[in-house]
Amino acid sequence: MKPKKVPLRRCVACHQMKDKRELIRVVKSPEGEIFIDPTGKKNGRGAYLCKDLACFEKARKSKSLNREFKTEIPADIFEQLEEQYGGK
C-alpha cells in the first residue's frame, strides 16, 4: 500500500515548500472577500504563510499577500494573522 501523498504549499514570504498543515491559509473568495481559513478547505484562491513570526513580518512589509491576490489586504486581516502568531 502506498503512503498517502502529503500536499505541499509555498509560503508567500520565504518561498519554502512545506506541508500544507504547517502553514496558515489566507483565502480570497470568488466574491473578493479576504479571510483566514483555519480548515484549509474553504472555497477560493489560497495563499500560505509559515507559522513563523519572521515570515508574517516579511509578508506584511513586502506586501506579498497583496501581490498574490492582486488587491489591497484589509488591516483587520493582518490583525487576525498577528493574533495567530501570538500577538505583540
PDB file of N, CA and C in Angstrom:
ATOM      1  N   MET A   1       0.838  -1.191   0.000  1.00  0.00           N
ATOM      2  CA  MET A   1       0.000   0.000   0.000  1.00  0.00           C
ATOM      3  C   MET A   1       0.882   1.253   0.000  1.00  0.00           C
ATOM      4  N   LYS A   2       0.568   2.197  -0.892  1.00  0.00           N
ATOM      5  CA  LYS A   2       1.347   3.424  -0.996  1.00  0.00           C
ATOM      6  C   LYS A   2       1.009   4.373   0.147  1.00  0.00           C
ATOM      7  N   PRO A   3       2.045   5.060   0.686  1.00  0.00           N
ATOM      8  CA  PRO A   3       1.734   6.061   1.721  1.00  0.00           C
ATOM      9  C   PRO A   3       0.974   7.225   1.102  1.00  0.00           C
ATOM     10  N   LYS A   4       0.110   7.835   1.914  1.00  0.00           N
ATOM     11  CA  LYS A   4      -0.707   8.946   1.438  1.00  0.00           C
ATOM     12  C   LYS A   4       0.192  10.133   1.078  1.00  0.00           C
ATOM     13  N   LYS A   5      -0.071  10.756  -0.061  1.00  0.00           N
ATOM     14  CA  LYS A   5       0.724  11.884  -0.524  1.00  0.00           C
ATOM     15  C   LYS A   5       0.406  13.118   0.330  1.00  0.00           C
ATOM     16  N   VAL A   6       1.450  13.767   0.811  1.00  0.00           N
ATOM     17  CA  VAL A   6       1.292  14.956   1.651  1.00  0.00           C
ATOM     18  C   VAL A   6       1.300  16.187   0.744  1.00  0.00           C
ATOM     19  N   PRO A   7       0.228  16.997   0.781  1.00  0.00           N
ATOM     20  CA  PRO A   7       0.201  18.183  -0.073  1.00  0.00           C
ATOM     21  C   PRO A   7       1.194  19.245   0.416  1.00  0.00           C
ATOM     22  N   LEU A   8       2.011  19.747  -0.500  1.00  0.00           N
ATOM     23  CA  LEU A   8       2.970  20.792  -0.178  1.00  0.00           C
ATOM     24  C   LEU A   8       2.493  22.123  -0.733  1.00  0.00           C
ATOM     25  N   ARG A   9       2.763  23.184   0.004  1.00  0.00           N
ATOM     26  CA  ARG A   9       2.410  24.523  -0.435  1.00  0.00           C
ATOM     27  C   ARG A   9       3.596  25.443  -0.181  1.00  0.00           C
ATOM     28  N   ARG A  10       3.644  26.569  -0.914  1.00  0.00           N
ATOM     29  CA  ARG A  10       4.756  27.505  -0.809  1.00  0.00           C
ATOM     30  C   ARG A  10       4.356  28.715   0.027  1.00  0.00           C
ATOM     31  N   CYS A  11       5.202  29.056   0.986  1.00  0.00           N
ATOM     32  CA  CYS A  11       4.987  30.258   1.795  1.00  0.00           C
ATOM     33  C   CYS A  11       5.231  31.479   0.914  1.00  0.00           C
ATOM     34  N   VAL A  12       4.317  32.459   0.945  1.00  0.00           N
ATOM     35  CA  VAL A  12       4.453  33.649   0.094  1.00  0.00           C
ATOM     36  C   VAL A  12       5.581  34.570   0.571  1.00  0.00           C
ATOM     37  N   ALA A  13       6.066  34.387   1.796  1.00  0.00           N
ATOM     38  CA  ALA A  13       7.130  35.247   2.320  1.00  0.00           C
ATOM     39  C   ALA A  13       8.519  34.652   2.074  1.00  0.00           C
ATOM     40  N   CYS A  14       8.746  33.417   2.546  1.00  0.00           N
ATOM     41  CA  CYS A  14      10.089  32.821   2.444  1.00  0.00           C
ATOM     42  C   CYS A  14      10.242  31.893   1.235  1.00  0.00           C
ATOM     43  N   HIS A  15       9.150  31.590   0.557  1.00  0.00           N
ATOM     44  CA  HIS A  15       9.121  30.753  -0.652  1.00  0.00           C
ATOM     45  C   HIS A  15       9.567  29.306  -0.429  1.00  0.00           C
ATOM     46  N   GLN A  16       9.500  28.833   0.818  1.00  0.00           N
ATOM     47  CA  GLN A  16       9.836  27.441   1.098  1.00  0.00           C
ATOM     48  C   GLN A  16       8.598  26.567   0.936  1.00  0.00           C
ATOM     49  N   MET A  17       8.807  25.374   0.395  1.00  0.00           N
ATOM     50  CA  MET A  17       7.717  24.405   0.268  1.00  0.00           C
ATOM     51  C   MET A  17       7.592  23.665   1.602  1.00  0.00           C
ATOM     52  N   LYS A  18       6.375  23.634   2.136  1.00  0.00           N
ATOM     53  CA  LYS A  18       6.130  22.950   3.410  1.00  0.00           C
ATOM     54  C   LYS A  18       4.819  22.186   3.336  1.00  0.00           C
ATOM     55  N   ASP A  19       4.639  21.273   4.281  1.00  0.00           N
ATOM     56  CA  ASP A  19       3.389  20.534   4.425  1.00  0.00           C
ATOM     57  C   ASP A  19       2.260  21.540   4.623  1.00  0.00           C
ATOM     58  N   LYS A  20       1.182  21.363   3.882  1.00  0.00           N
ATOM     59  CA  LYS A  20       0.031  22.283   3.928  1.00  0.00           C
ATOM     60  C   LYS A  20      -0.454  22.524   5.362  1.00  0.00           C
ATOM     61  N   ARG A  21      -0.408  21.482   6.202  1.00  0.00           N
ATOM     62  CA  ARG A  21      -0.905  21.613   7.576  1.00  0.00           C
ATOM     63  C   ARG A  21       0.011  22.455   8.460  1.00  0.00           C
ATOM     64  N   GLU A  22       1.243  22.708   8.016  1.00  0.00           N
ATOM     65  CA  GLU A  22       2.183  23.517   8.796  1.00  0.00           C
ATOM     66  C   GLU A  22       2.037  25.005   8.490  1.00  0.00           C
ATOM     67  N   LEU A  23       1.152  25.357   7.564  1.00  0.00           N
ATOM     68  CA  LEU A  23       1.024  26.739   7.115  1.00  0.00           C
ATOM     69  C   LEU A  23      -0.337  27.326   7.468  1.00  0.00           C
ATOM     70  N   ILE A  24      -0.402  28.645   7.512  1.00  0.00           N
ATOM     71  CA  ILE A  24      -1.669  29.357   7.726  1.00  0.00           C
ATOM     72  C   ILE A  24      -2.187  29.759   6.350  1.00  0.00           C
ATOM     73  N   ARG A  25      -3.458  29.443   6.068  1.00  0.00           N
ATOM     74  CA  ARG A  25      -4.044  29.746   4.759  1.00  0.00           C
ATOM     75  C   ARG A  25      -4.889  31.017   4.821  1.00  0.00           C
ATOM     76  N   VAL A  26      -4.600  31.915   3.899  1.00  0.00           N
ATOM     77  CA  VAL A  26      -5.390  33.128   3.732  1.00  0.00           C
ATOM     78  C   VAL A  26      -6.110  32.966   2.399  1.00  0.00           C
ATOM     79  N   VAL A  27      -7.416  33.257   2.374  1.00  0.00           N
ATOM     80  CA  VAL A  27      -8.235  32.986   1.188  1.00  0.00           C
ATOM     81  C   VAL A  27      -8.879  34.257   0.647  1.00  0.00           C
ATOM     82  N   LYS A  28      -8.924  34.334  -0.682  1.00  0.00           N
ATOM     83  CA  LYS A  28      -9.730  35.357  -1.349  1.00  0.00           C
ATOM     84  C   LYS A  28     -10.873  34.612  -2.010  1.00  0.00           C
ATOM     85  N   SER A  29     -12.093  34.865  -1.524  1.00  0.00           N
ATOM     86  CA  SER A  29     -13.273  34.166  -2.045  1.00  0.00           C
ATOM     87  C   SER A  29     -13.610  34.682  -3.447  1.00  0.00           C
ATOM     88  N   PRO A  30     -14.445  33.929  -4.187  1.00  0.00           N
ATOM     89  CA  PRO A  30     -14.871  34.400  -5.517  1.00  0.00           C
ATOM     90  C   PRO A  30     -15.559  35.767  -5.471  1.00  0.00           C
ATOM     91  N   GLU A  31     -16.123  36.132  -4.301  1.00  0.00           N
ATOM     92  CA  GLU A  31     -16.793  37.434  -4.146  1.00  0.00           C
ATOM     93  C   GLU A  31     -15.788  38.544  -3.835  1.00  0.00           C
ATOM     94  N   GLY A  32     -14.509  38.182  -3.632  1.00  0.00           N
ATOM     95  CA  GLY A  32     -13.483  39.178  -3.346  1.00  0.00           C
ATOM     96  C   GLY A  32     -13.219  39.388  -1.870  1.00  0.00           C
ATOM     97  N   GLU A  33     -13.888  38.622  -1.016  1.00  0.00           N
ATOM     98  CA  GLU A  33     -13.703  38.739   0.431  1.00  0.00           C
ATOM     99  C   GLU A  33     -12.411  38.019   0.826  1.00  0.00           C
ATOM    100  N   ILE A  34     -11.644  38.617   1.735  1.00  0.00           N
ATOM    101  CA  ILE A  34     -10.388  38.009   2.178  1.00  0.00           C
ATOM    102  C   ILE A  34     -10.515  37.627   3.635  1.00  0.00           C
ATOM    103  N   PHE A  35     -10.125  36.382   3.972  1.00  0.00           N
ATOM    104  CA  PHE A  35     -10.233  35.898   5.346  1.00  0.00           C
ATOM    105  C   PHE A  35      -9.235  34.778   5.590  1.00  0.00           C
ATOM    106  N   ILE A  36      -9.031  34.457   6.870  1.00  0.00           N
ATOM    107  CA  ILE A  36      -8.148  33.361   7.259  1.00  0.00           C
ATOM    108  C   ILE A  36      -8.967  32.087   7.307  1.00  0.00           C
ATOM    109  N   ASP A  37      -8.412  31.021   6.739  1.00  0.00           N
ATOM    110  CA  ASP A  37      -9.115  29.741   6.655  1.00  0.00           C
ATOM    111  C   ASP A  37      -8.403  28.694   7.513  1.00  0.00           C
ATOM    112  N   PRO A  38      -8.856  28.512   8.763  1.00  0.00           N
ATOM    113  CA  PRO A  38      -8.193  27.525   9.630  1.00  0.00           C
ATOM    114  C   PRO A  38      -8.410  26.077   9.176  1.00  0.00           C
ATOM    115  N   THR A  39      -9.482  25.807   8.426  1.00  0.00           N
ATOM    116  CA  THR A  39      -9.763  24.426   7.994  1.00  0.00           C
ATOM    117  C   THR A  39      -8.952  24.046   6.757  1.00  0.00           C
ATOM    118  N   GLY A  40      -8.574  25.044   5.949  1.00  0.00           N
ATOM    119  CA  GLY A  40      -7.840  24.763   4.713  1.00  0.00           C
ATOM    120  C   GLY A  40      -8.727  24.240   3.600  1.00  0.00           C
ATOM    121  N   LYS A  41     -10.049  24.334   3.773  1.00  0.00           N
ATOM    122  CA  LYS A  41     -10.975  23.755   2.799  1.00  0.00           C
ATOM    123  C   LYS A  41     -11.960  24.754   2.189  1.00  0.00           C
ATOM    124  N   LYS A  42     -11.908  26.003   2.632  1.00  0.00           N
ATOM    125  CA  LYS A  42     -12.869  26.988   2.121  1.00  0.00           C
ATOM    126  C   LYS A  42     -12.630  27.275   0.642  1.00  0.00           C
ATOM    127  N   ASN A  43     -13.695  27.679  -0.045  1.00  0.00           N
ATOM    128  CA  ASN A  43     -13.650  27.943  -1.471  1.00  0.00           C
ATOM    129  C   ASN A  43     -12.933  29.255  -1.752  1.00  0.00           C
ATOM    130  N   GLY A  44     -12.066  29.265  -2.744  1.00  0.00           N
ATOM    131  CA  GLY A  44     -11.399  30.496  -3.148  1.00  0.00           C
ATOM    132  C   GLY A  44      -9.920  30.302  -3.377  1.00  0.00           C
ATOM    133  N   ARG A  45      -9.264  31.381  -3.741  1.00  0.00           N
ATOM    134  CA  ARG A  45      -7.829  31.366  -4.021  1.00  0.00           C
ATOM    135  C   ARG A  45      -7.081  31.438  -2.707  1.00  0.00           C
ATOM    136  N   GLY A  46      -6.184  30.498  -2.463  1.00  0.00           N
ATOM    137  CA  GLY A  46      -5.451  30.455  -1.201  1.00  0.00           C
ATOM    138  C   GLY A  46      -4.016  30.911  -1.342  1.00  0.00           C
ATOM    139  N   ALA A  47      -3.517  31.546  -0.299  1.00  0.00           N
ATOM    140  CA  ALA A  47      -2.102  31.886  -0.177  1.00  0.00           C
ATOM    141  C   ALA A  47      -1.674  31.406   1.206  1.00  0.00           C
ATOM    142  N   TYR A  48      -0.449  30.966   1.312  1.00  0.00           N
ATOM    143  CA  TYR A  48       0.001  30.339   2.548  1.00  0.00           C
ATOM    144  C   TYR A  48       1.154  31.090   3.179  1.00  0.00           C
ATOM    145  N   LEU A  49       1.165  31.089   4.518  1.00  0.00           N
ATOM    146  CA  LEU A  49       2.238  31.704   5.297  1.00  0.00           C
ATOM    147  C   LEU A  49       2.728  30.706   6.336  1.00  0.00           C
ATOM    148  N   CYS A  50       4.051  30.659   6.539  1.00  0.00           N
ATOM    149  CA  CYS A  50       4.611  29.822   7.611  1.00  0.00           C
ATOM    150  C   CYS A  50       4.066  30.299   8.948  1.00  0.00           C
ATOM    151  N   LYS A  51       4.043  29.393   9.910  1.00  0.00           N
ATOM    152  CA  LYS A  51       3.617  29.776  11.257  1.00  0.00           C
ATOM    153  C   LYS A  51       4.813  30.355  12.008  1.00  0.00           C
ATOM    154  N   ASP A  52       5.508  31.277  11.345  1.00  0.00           N
ATOM    155  CA  ASP A  52       6.718  31.879  11.874  1.00  0.00           C
ATOM    156  C   ASP A  52       6.550  33.397  11.829  1.00  0.00           C
ATOM    157  N   LEU A  53       6.778  34.047  12.949  1.00  0.00           N
ATOM    158  CA  LEU A  53       6.578  35.491  13.042  1.00  0.00           C
ATOM    159  C   LEU A  53       7.429  36.245  12.013  1.00  0.00           C
ATOM    160  N   ALA A  54       8.638  35.759  11.752  1.00  0.00           N
ATOM    161  CA  ALA A  54       9.520  36.418  10.774  1.00  0.00           C
ATOM    162  C   ALA A  54       8.877  36.411   9.383  1.00  0.00           C
ATOM    163  N   CYS A  55       8.237  35.314   9.007  1.00  0.00           N
ATOM    164  CA  CYS A  55       7.564  35.227   7.704  1.00  0.00           C
ATOM    165  C   CYS A  55       6.369  36.184   7.645  1.00  0.00           C
ATOM    166  N   PHE A  56       5.631  36.267   8.734  1.00  0.00           N
ATOM    167  CA  PHE A  56       4.492  37.189   8.789  1.00  0.00           C
ATOM    168  C   PHE A  56       4.972  38.631   8.603  1.00  0.00           C
ATOM    169  N   GLU A  57       6.028  39.008   9.343  1.00  0.00           N
ATOM    170  CA  GLU A  57       6.567  40.367   9.240  1.00  0.00           C
ATOM    171  C   GLU A  57       7.058  40.645   7.816  1.00  0.00           C
ATOM    172  N   LYS A  58       7.729  39.664   7.220  1.00  0.00           N
ATOM    173  CA  LYS A  58       8.246  39.824   5.862  1.00  0.00           C
ATOM    174  C   LYS A  58       7.098  39.984   4.862  1.00  0.00           C
ATOM    175  N   ALA A  59       6.045  39.183   5.014  1.00  0.00           N
ATOM    176  CA  ALA A  59       4.894  39.252   4.105  1.00  0.00           C
ATOM    177  C   ALA A  59       4.190  40.600   4.234  1.00  0.00           C
ATOM    178  N   ARG A  60       4.085  41.091   5.451  1.00  0.00           N
ATOM    179  CA  ARG A  60       3.435  42.389   5.675  1.00  0.00           C
ATOM    180  C   ARG A  60       4.272  43.514   5.065  1.00  0.00           C
ATOM    181  N   LYS A  61       5.575  43.484   5.302  1.00  0.00           N
ATOM    182  CA  LYS A  61       6.472  44.538   4.827  1.00  0.00           C
ATOM    183  C   LYS A  61       6.588  44.541   3.301  1.00  0.00           C
ATOM    184  N   SER A  62       6.717  43.347   2.706  1.00  0.00           N
ATOM    185  CA  SER A  62       6.917  43.258   1.250  1.00  0.00           C
ATOM    186  C   SER A  62       5.604  43.262   0.469  1.00  0.00           C
ATOM    187  N   LYS A  63       4.480  43.241   1.207  1.00  0.00           N
ATOM    188  CA  LYS A  63       3.146  43.213   0.593  1.00  0.00           C
ATOM    189  C   LYS A  63       2.968  42.012  -0.346  1.00  0.00           C
ATOM    190  N   SER A  64       3.568  40.879   0.023  1.00  0.00           N
ATOM    191  CA  SER A  64       3.483  39.689  -0.831  1.00  0.00           C
ATOM    192  C   SER A  64       2.052  39.139  -0.912  1.00  0.00           C
ATOM    193  N   LEU A  65       1.254  39.301   0.149  1.00  0.00           N
ATOM    194  CA  LEU A  65      -0.146  38.857   0.078  1.00  0.00           C
ATOM    195  C   LEU A  65      -0.932  39.745  -0.885  1.00  0.00           C
ATOM    196  N   ASN A  66      -0.653  41.041  -0.871  1.00  0.00           N
ATOM    197  CA  ASN A  66      -1.317  41.961  -1.810  1.00  0.00           C
ATOM    198  C   ASN A  66      -1.034  41.538  -3.249  1.00  0.00           C
ATOM    199  N   ARG A  67       0.224  41.217  -3.542  1.00  0.00           N
ATOM    200  CA  ARG A  67       0.596  40.786  -4.897  1.00  0.00           C
ATOM    201  C   ARG A  67      -0.058  39.456  -5.251  1.00  0.00           C
ATOM    202  N   GLU A  68      -0.075  38.539  -4.290  1.00  0.00           N
ATOM    203  CA  GLU A  68      -0.639  37.206  -4.528  1.00  0.00           C
ATOM    204  C   GLU A  68      -2.116  37.303  -4.935  1.00  0.00           C
ATOM    205  N   PHE A  69      -2.866  38.186  -4.263  1.00  0.00           N
ATOM    206  CA  PHE A  69      -4.299  38.319  -4.533  1.00  0.00           C
ATOM    207  C   PHE A  69      -4.632  39.466  -5.486  1.00  0.00           C
ATOM    208  N   LYS A  70      -3.592  40.225  -5.886  1.00  0.00           N
ATOM    209  CA  LYS A  70      -3.784  41.377  -6.785  1.00  0.00           C
ATOM    210  C   LYS A  70      -4.817  42.367  -6.235  1.00  0.00           C
ATOM    211  N   THR A  71      -4.778  42.577  -4.913  1.00  0.00           N
ATOM    212  CA  THR A  71      -5.684  43.513  -4.261  1.00  0.00           C
ATOM    213  C   THR A  71      -5.078  43.961  -2.937  1.00  0.00           C
ATOM    214  N   GLU A  72      -5.616  45.027  -2.371  1.00  0.00           N
ATOM    215  CA  GLU A  72      -5.149  45.520  -1.074  1.00  0.00           C
ATOM    216  C   GLU A  72      -5.726  44.625   0.030  1.00  0.00           C
ATOM    217  N   ILE A  73      -4.882  44.195   0.945  1.00  0.00           N
ATOM    218  CA  ILE A  73      -5.323  43.337   2.054  1.00  0.00           C
ATOM    219  C   ILE A  73      -5.793  44.240   3.197  1.00  0.00           C
ATOM    220  N   PRO A  74      -7.027  44.033   3.697  1.00  0.00           N
ATOM    221  CA  PRO A  74      -7.532  44.869   4.799  1.00  0.00           C
ATOM    222  C   PRO A  74      -6.669  44.733   6.059  1.00  0.00           C
ATOM    223  N   ALA A  75      -6.546  45.820   6.807  1.00  0.00           N
ATOM    224  CA  ALA A  75      -5.732  45.846   8.027  1.00  0.00           C
ATOM    225  C   ALA A  75      -6.207  44.808   9.041  1.00  0.00           C
ATOM    226  N   ASP A  76      -7.525  44.552   9.093  1.00  0.00           N
ATOM    227  CA  ASP A  76      -8.033  43.593  10.087  1.00  0.00           C
ATOM    228  C   ASP A  76      -7.538  42.167   9.812  1.00  0.00           C
ATOM    229  N   ILE A  77      -7.228  41.849   8.567  1.00  0.00           N
ATOM    230  CA  ILE A  77      -6.670  40.525   8.244  1.00  0.00           C
ATOM    231  C   ILE A  77      -5.281  40.403   8.868  1.00  0.00           C
ATOM    232  N   PHE A  78      -4.479  41.474   8.750  1.00  0.00           N
ATOM    233  CA  PHE A  78      -3.154  41.451   9.372  1.00  0.00           C
ATOM    234  C   PHE A  78      -3.264  41.374  10.896  1.00  0.00           C
ATOM    235  N   GLU A  79      -4.295  42.026  11.453  1.00  0.00           N
ATOM    236  CA  GLU A  79      -4.512  41.948  12.906  1.00  0.00           C
ATOM    237  C   GLU A  79      -4.868  40.516  13.317  1.00  0.00           C
ATOM    238  N   GLN A  80      -5.741  39.861  12.533  1.00  0.00           N
ATOM    239  CA  GLN A  80      -6.106  38.466  12.821  1.00  0.00           C
ATOM    240  C   GLN A  80      -4.880  37.557  12.697  1.00  0.00           C
ATOM    241  N   LEU A  81      -4.069  37.790  11.670  1.00  0.00           N
ATOM    242  CA  LEU A  81      -2.846  36.998  11.490  1.00  0.00           C
ATOM    243  C   LEU A  81      -1.903  37.211  12.667  1.00  0.00           C
ATOM    244  N   GLU A  82      -1.800  38.459  13.112  1.00  0.00           N
ATOM    245  CA  GLU A  82      -0.922  38.779  14.237  1.00  0.00           C
ATOM    246  C   GLU A  82      -1.343  37.996  15.489  1.00  0.00           C
ATOM    247  N   GLU A  83      -2.663  37.864  15.688  1.00  0.00           N
ATOM    248  CA  GLU A  83      -3.178  37.066  16.805  1.00  0.00           C
ATOM    249  C   GLU A  83      -2.773  35.605  16.660  1.00  0.00           C
ATOM    250  N   GLN A  84      -2.802  35.078  15.415  1.00  0.00           N
ATOM    251  CA  GLN A  84      -2.399  33.694  15.150  1.00  0.00           C
ATOM    252  C   GLN A  84      -0.937  33.468  15.549  1.00  0.00           C
ATOM    253  N   TYR A  85      -0.130  34.519  15.397  1.00  0.00           N
ATOM    254  CA  TYR A  85       1.295  34.424  15.711  1.00  0.00           C
ATOM    255  C   TYR A  85       1.597  34.777  17.155  1.00  0.00           C
ATOM    256  N   GLY A  86       0.561  34.955  17.958  1.00  0.00           N
ATOM    257  CA  GLY A  86       0.768  35.231  19.372  1.00  0.00           C
ATOM    258  C   GLY A  86       0.732  36.708  19.718  1.00  0.00           C
ATOM    259  N   GLY A  87       0.371  37.543  18.745  1.00  0.00           N
ATOM    260  CA  GLY A  87       0.230  38.977  19.009  1.00  0.00           C
ATOM    261  C   GLY A  87       1.534  39.656  19.336  1.00  0.00           C
ATOM    262  N   LYS A  88       1.438  40.911  19.710  1.00  0.00           N
ATOM    263  CA  LYS A  88       2.652  41.679  20.068  1.00  0.00           C
ATOM    264  C   LYS A  88       2.483  42.297  21.425  1.00  0.00           C
TER     265      LYS A  88
END
